[in-house]
Amino acid sequence: GWLLNNQMLIPSAPNGTSELLIIKALETLEKEDCHYVEAGPVTRADLGEIHGMSKTIEHLTRLVFKGAKRVFHLDGYETFWTKFDPKIEGCYLSFPNKNIGYSSVKALTAAFN
């Protein structure tokens, strides 16, 4: 199967262009007898830092995460990323004001659509 990752939409593209590209990619994979396609985020090896919880809850959360990775075989994504070694960069949001207004929420909604 294949993993579709980082599907980006450009606001200046004509309506439906990005969707058409994804549909054509899926149709091509179907013609090539692809058995499955996955789209979405890739799980990390661990949870990283956890703030605002007691040590007991933090420990329990880490155990549940490790159990879910084992039960649902979520390490397959990690194997893929380790094999092909893509460059991963952080992503940050910066707002001009302390308070987030309607326009900021609208922009975030469009960015994460």
N, C-alpha and C. Protein backbone atom coordinates (compact mmCIF):
# COMPACT_ATOMS: atom_id res chain seq x y z
N GLY A 1 0.81 -1.19 0.00
CA GLY A 1 0.00 0.00 0.00
C GLY A 1 0.84 1.24 0.00
N TRP A 2 0.19 2.38 0.08
CA TRP A 2 0.84 3.68 0.03
C TRP A 2 0.35 4.57 1.15
N LEU A 3 1.19 5.52 1.55
CA LEU A 3 0.84 6.53 2.53
C LEU A 3 0.81 7.87 1.83
N LEU A 4 -0.35 8.53 1.82
CA LEU A 4 -0.45 9.88 1.29
C LEU A 4 -0.24 10.84 2.45
N ASN A 5 0.80 11.63 2.36
CA ASN A 5 1.15 12.53 3.45
C ASN A 5 1.38 13.92 2.88
N ASN A 6 1.14 14.92 3.68
CA ASN A 6 1.38 16.32 3.29
C ASN A 6 0.57 16.74 2.07
N GLN A 7 -0.72 16.48 2.10
CA GLN A 7 -1.56 16.98 1.03
C GLN A 7 -1.79 18.47 1.26
N MET A 8 -1.30 19.29 0.34
CA MET A 8 -1.39 20.73 0.52
C MET A 8 -2.35 21.34 -0.50
N LEU A 9 -3.05 22.34 -0.05
CA LEU A 9 -3.95 23.08 -0.93
C LEU A 9 -3.42 24.50 -1.08
N ILE A 10 -3.33 24.96 -2.30
CA ILE A 10 -2.86 26.32 -2.56
C ILE A 10 -4.09 27.18 -2.84
N PRO A 11 -4.27 28.28 -2.08
CA PRO A 11 -5.47 29.11 -2.25
C PRO A 11 -5.65 29.66 -3.66
N SER A 12 -4.56 29.89 -4.38
CA SER A 12 -4.69 30.48 -5.72
C SER A 12 -5.03 29.46 -6.80
N ALA A 13 -5.02 28.16 -6.45
CA ALA A 13 -5.36 27.12 -7.43
C ALA A 13 -6.85 27.18 -7.75
N PRO A 14 -7.21 26.91 -9.01
CA PRO A 14 -8.64 26.88 -9.36
C PRO A 14 -9.38 25.86 -8.49
N ASN A 15 -10.64 26.14 -8.22
CA ASN A 15 -11.45 25.25 -7.38
C ASN A 15 -11.42 23.82 -7.91
N GLY A 16 -11.16 22.89 -7.02
CA GLY A 16 -11.20 21.48 -7.36
C GLY A 16 -9.89 20.90 -7.86
N THR A 17 -8.88 21.74 -8.11
CA THR A 17 -7.61 21.23 -8.65
C THR A 17 -6.93 20.27 -7.69
N SER A 18 -6.78 20.68 -6.44
CA SER A 18 -6.10 19.83 -5.46
C SER A 18 -6.86 18.53 -5.25
N GLU A 19 -8.18 18.62 -5.17
CA GLU A 19 -8.99 17.43 -5.00
C GLU A 19 -8.86 16.50 -6.20
N LEU A 20 -8.81 17.08 -7.40
CA LEU A 20 -8.67 16.28 -8.62
C LEU A 20 -7.33 15.54 -8.62
N LEU A 21 -6.26 16.20 -8.19
CA LEU A 21 -4.96 15.54 -8.13
C LEU A 21 -4.97 14.35 -7.18
N ILE A 22 -5.61 14.51 -6.03
CA ILE A 22 -5.68 13.40 -5.08
C ILE A 22 -6.53 12.27 -5.64
N ILE A 23 -7.65 12.60 -6.26
CA ILE A 23 -8.52 11.57 -6.85
C ILE A 23 -7.78 10.82 -7.95
N LYS A 24 -7.05 11.53 -8.80
CA LYS A 24 -6.28 10.88 -9.87
C LYS A 24 -5.19 9.98 -9.29
N ALA A 25 -4.55 10.42 -8.21
CA ALA A 25 -3.53 9.58 -7.56
C ALA A 25 -4.18 8.30 -7.03
N LEU A 26 -5.36 8.42 -6.42
CA LEU A 26 -6.06 7.24 -5.91
C LEU A 26 -6.49 6.31 -7.04
N GLU A 27 -6.96 6.88 -8.16
CA GLU A 27 -7.36 6.05 -9.30
C GLU A 27 -6.15 5.32 -9.88
N THR A 28 -5.01 5.99 -9.94
CA THR A 28 -3.79 5.36 -10.45
C THR A 28 -3.36 4.21 -9.55
N LEU A 29 -3.43 4.42 -8.24
CA LEU A 29 -3.07 3.36 -7.30
C LEU A 29 -4.02 2.16 -7.44
N GLU A 30 -5.31 2.45 -7.69
CA GLU A 30 -6.28 1.37 -7.88
C GLU A 30 -5.93 0.55 -9.13
N LYS A 31 -5.56 1.22 -10.21
CA LYS A 31 -5.19 0.53 -11.45
C LYS A 31 -3.93 -0.31 -11.26
N GLU A 32 -3.06 0.10 -10.35
CA GLU A 32 -1.82 -0.64 -10.08
C GLU A 32 -2.03 -1.72 -9.03
N ASP A 33 -3.29 -2.03 -8.73
CA ASP A 33 -3.66 -3.09 -7.78
C ASP A 33 -3.13 -2.82 -6.37
N CYS A 34 -3.19 -1.57 -5.95
CA CYS A 34 -2.79 -1.20 -4.60
C CYS A 34 -3.88 -1.69 -3.64
N HIS A 35 -3.49 -2.37 -2.58
CA HIS A 35 -4.46 -2.97 -1.68
C HIS A 35 -4.98 -2.00 -0.63
N TYR A 36 -4.19 -0.98 -0.27
CA TYR A 36 -4.67 0.00 0.69
C TYR A 36 -3.89 1.30 0.54
N VAL A 37 -4.52 2.38 0.96
CA VAL A 37 -3.90 3.71 0.99
C VAL A 37 -4.23 4.31 2.34
N GLU A 38 -3.25 4.90 2.96
CA GLU A 38 -3.46 5.55 4.25
C GLU A 38 -3.16 7.03 4.10
N ALA A 39 -3.93 7.84 4.76
CA ALA A 39 -3.71 9.28 4.75
C ALA A 39 -3.80 9.78 6.18
N GLY A 40 -2.88 10.62 6.55
CA GLY A 40 -2.95 11.18 7.88
C GLY A 40 -1.61 11.28 8.55
N PRO A 41 -1.63 11.64 9.81
CA PRO A 41 -0.38 11.85 10.55
C PRO A 41 0.31 10.54 10.89
N VAL A 42 1.58 10.64 11.18
CA VAL A 42 2.38 9.50 11.56
C VAL A 42 2.65 9.59 13.05
N THR A 43 2.48 8.48 13.77
CA THR A 43 2.71 8.50 15.21
C THR A 43 4.19 8.58 15.52
N ARG A 44 4.50 9.22 16.63
CA ARG A 44 5.89 9.33 17.08
C ARG A 44 6.29 8.07 17.84
N ALA A 45 7.57 7.96 18.11
CA ALA A 45 8.07 6.81 18.87
C ALA A 45 7.57 6.85 20.32
N ASP A 46 7.46 8.06 20.88
CA ASP A 46 6.94 8.21 22.24
C ASP A 46 6.17 9.53 22.32
N LEU A 47 5.61 9.81 23.48
CA LEU A 47 4.78 11.00 23.63
C LEU A 47 5.56 12.29 23.82
N GLY A 48 6.79 12.22 24.23
CA GLY A 48 7.54 13.45 24.48
C GLY A 48 7.14 14.04 25.83
N GLU A 49 7.21 15.36 25.93
CA GLU A 49 6.91 16.03 27.20
C GLU A 49 5.40 16.10 27.44
N ILE A 50 5.01 15.90 28.69
CA ILE A 50 3.61 16.03 29.10
C ILE A 50 3.58 17.02 30.25
N HIS A 51 2.78 18.08 30.11
CA HIS A 51 2.71 19.11 31.14
C HIS A 51 1.31 19.16 31.75
N GLY A 52 1.24 19.51 33.00
CA GLY A 52 -0.06 19.74 33.65
C GLY A 52 -0.76 18.51 34.17
N MET A 53 -0.06 17.39 34.27
CA MET A 53 -0.66 16.16 34.79
C MET A 53 0.19 15.65 35.94
N SER A 54 -0.44 14.88 36.79
CA SER A 54 0.33 14.26 37.88
C SER A 54 1.23 13.18 37.30
N LYS A 55 2.23 12.78 38.06
CA LYS A 55 3.16 11.74 37.60
C LYS A 55 2.45 10.42 37.35
N THR A 56 1.44 10.13 38.17
CA THR A 56 0.69 8.88 38.00
C THR A 56 -0.07 8.89 36.68
N ILE A 57 -0.78 9.98 36.39
CA ILE A 57 -1.53 10.09 35.13
C ILE A 57 -0.58 10.10 33.94
N GLU A 58 0.55 10.79 34.08
CA GLU A 58 1.54 10.82 33.00
C GLU A 58 2.05 9.40 32.70
N HIS A 59 2.36 8.65 33.74
CA HIS A 59 2.84 7.28 33.57
C HIS A 59 1.76 6.41 32.92
N LEU A 60 0.51 6.54 33.38
CA LEU A 60 -0.60 5.78 32.81
C LEU A 60 -0.80 6.13 31.33
N THR A 61 -0.71 7.41 31.01
CA THR A 61 -0.87 7.86 29.62
C THR A 61 0.20 7.23 28.73
N ARG A 62 1.43 7.21 29.20
CA ARG A 62 2.52 6.60 28.42
C ARG A 62 2.29 5.10 28.22
N LEU A 63 1.78 4.41 29.25
CA LEU A 63 1.49 2.98 29.13
C LEU A 63 0.38 2.73 28.10
N VAL A 64 -0.67 3.55 28.13
CA VAL A 64 -1.78 3.40 27.18
C VAL A 64 -1.27 3.63 25.76
N PHE A 65 -0.43 4.66 25.58
CA PHE A 65 0.13 4.95 24.26
C PHE A 65 0.96 3.77 23.73
N LYS A 66 1.84 3.23 24.58
CA LYS A 66 2.66 2.09 24.17
C LYS A 66 1.79 0.87 23.85
N GLY A 67 0.75 0.65 24.65
CA GLY A 67 -0.17 -0.46 24.39
C GLY A 67 -0.91 -0.29 23.08
N ALA A 68 -1.37 0.92 22.80
CA ALA A 68 -2.09 1.18 21.55
C ALA A 68 -1.17 0.97 20.34
N LYS A 69 0.09 1.40 20.47
CA LYS A 69 1.04 1.20 19.37
C LYS A 69 1.24 -0.29 19.09
N ARG A 70 1.29 -1.09 20.15
CA ARG A 70 1.49 -2.53 19.99
C ARG A 70 0.24 -3.19 19.41
N VAL A 71 -0.93 -2.88 19.96
CA VAL A 71 -2.18 -3.51 19.53
C VAL A 71 -2.54 -3.15 18.10
N PHE A 72 -2.38 -1.86 17.74
CA PHE A 72 -2.79 -1.40 16.41
C PHE A 72 -1.64 -1.35 15.41
N HIS A 73 -0.48 -1.85 15.78
CA HIS A 73 0.70 -1.92 14.89
C HIS A 73 1.03 -0.56 14.28
N LEU A 74 1.10 0.45 15.13
CA LEU A 74 1.37 1.80 14.65
C LEU A 74 2.85 2.04 14.34
N ASP A 75 3.69 1.08 14.62
CA ASP A 75 5.11 1.23 14.33
C ASP A 75 5.41 1.09 12.84
N GLY A 76 4.44 0.65 12.05
CA GLY A 76 4.65 0.53 10.61
C GLY A 76 5.00 1.87 9.99
N TYR A 77 4.35 2.92 10.45
CA TYR A 77 4.67 4.26 9.96
C TYR A 77 6.10 4.63 10.32
N GLU A 78 6.46 4.33 11.57
CA GLU A 78 7.81 4.65 12.04
C GLU A 78 8.85 3.90 11.21
N THR A 79 8.57 2.66 10.86
CA THR A 79 9.48 1.88 10.02
C THR A 79 9.66 2.53 8.66
N PHE A 80 8.55 2.99 8.09
CA PHE A 80 8.61 3.67 6.79
C PHE A 80 9.49 4.91 6.87
N TRP A 81 9.24 5.74 7.89
CA TRP A 81 10.00 6.99 8.00
C TRP A 81 11.46 6.72 8.30
N THR A 82 11.78 5.68 9.04
CA THR A 82 13.17 5.33 9.32
C THR A 82 13.86 4.83 8.05
N LYS A 83 13.13 4.05 7.26
CA LYS A 83 13.70 3.49 6.04
C LYS A 83 14.06 4.57 5.03
N PHE A 84 13.15 5.51 4.79
CA PHE A 84 13.38 6.51 3.76
C PHE A 84 14.00 7.80 4.30
N ASP A 85 14.08 7.94 5.61
CA ASP A 85 14.78 9.03 6.28
C ASP A 85 14.45 10.42 5.71
N PRO A 86 13.17 10.81 5.72
CA PRO A 86 12.85 12.15 5.22
C PRO A 86 13.27 13.22 6.22
N LYS A 87 13.46 14.41 5.73
CA LYS A 87 13.81 15.54 6.58
C LYS A 87 12.54 16.06 7.24
N ILE A 88 12.55 16.15 8.56
CA ILE A 88 11.39 16.61 9.31
C ILE A 88 11.75 17.94 9.98
N GLU A 89 10.93 18.95 9.75
CA GLU A 89 11.18 20.26 10.35
C GLU A 89 9.98 20.64 11.21
N GLY A 90 10.26 21.43 12.24
CA GLY A 90 9.20 21.90 13.12
C GLY A 90 8.32 22.93 12.43
N CYS A 91 7.14 23.08 12.96
CA CYS A 91 6.19 24.04 12.43
C CYS A 91 5.68 24.88 13.60
N TYR A 92 5.70 26.19 13.45
CA TYR A 92 5.33 27.07 14.54
C TYR A 92 4.30 28.08 14.06
N LEU A 93 3.44 28.49 14.97
CA LEU A 93 2.45 29.53 14.68
C LEU A 93 2.82 30.78 15.45
N SER A 94 2.74 31.91 14.79
CA SER A 94 3.05 33.18 15.42
C SER A 94 1.89 34.14 15.17
N PHE A 95 1.40 34.76 16.23
CA PHE A 95 0.29 35.69 16.12
C PHE A 95 0.76 37.09 16.48
N PRO A 96 0.27 38.10 15.77
CA PRO A 96 0.73 39.46 16.04
C PRO A 96 0.23 40.02 17.38
N ASN A 97 -0.86 39.51 17.89
CA ASN A 97 -1.43 39.99 19.15
C ASN A 97 -1.53 38.84 20.15
N LYS A 98 -1.66 39.21 21.42
CA LYS A 98 -1.84 38.18 22.45
C LYS A 98 -3.17 37.46 22.27
N ASN A 99 -4.20 38.21 21.94
CA ASN A 99 -5.54 37.63 21.79
C ASN A 99 -5.75 37.15 20.36
N ILE A 100 -6.29 35.95 20.26
CA ILE A 100 -6.58 35.40 18.94
C ILE A 100 -7.97 35.85 18.54
N GLY A 101 -8.08 36.53 17.41
CA GLY A 101 -9.37 37.03 16.93
C GLY A 101 -10.02 36.11 15.92
N TYR A 102 -11.13 36.55 15.41
CA TYR A 102 -11.89 35.77 14.44
C TYR A 102 -11.07 35.50 13.18
N SER A 103 -10.35 36.51 12.70
CA SER A 103 -9.57 36.33 11.47
C SER A 103 -8.46 35.30 11.67
N SER A 104 -7.86 35.24 12.86
CA SER A 104 -6.83 34.24 13.14
C SER A 104 -7.42 32.83 13.15
N VAL A 105 -8.58 32.68 13.78
CA VAL A 105 -9.25 31.39 13.82
C VAL A 105 -9.65 30.96 12.40
N LYS A 106 -10.13 31.90 11.60
CA LYS A 106 -10.51 31.61 10.22
C LYS A 106 -9.30 31.17 9.41
N ALA A 107 -8.16 31.84 9.60
CA ALA A 107 -6.93 31.47 8.89
C ALA A 107 -6.44 30.09 9.30
N LEU A 108 -6.53 29.78 10.61
CA LEU A 108 -6.13 28.46 11.09
C LEU A 108 -7.02 27.37 10.52
N THR A 109 -8.32 27.65 10.46
CA THR A 109 -9.27 26.69 9.90
C THR A 109 -8.94 26.41 8.44
N ALA A 110 -8.61 27.46 7.70
CA ALA A 110 -8.26 27.28 6.28
C ALA A 110 -6.95 26.51 6.14
N ALA A 111 -5.99 26.78 7.02
CA ALA A 111 -4.69 26.12 6.94
C ALA A 111 -4.79 24.63 7.27
N PHE A 112 -5.64 24.28 8.23
CA PHE A 112 -5.74 22.88 8.64
C PHE A 112 -6.89 22.13 7.97
N ASN A 113 -7.50 22.74 6.97
CA ASN A 113 -8.62 22.11 6.30
C ASN A 113 -8.17 20.90 5.51
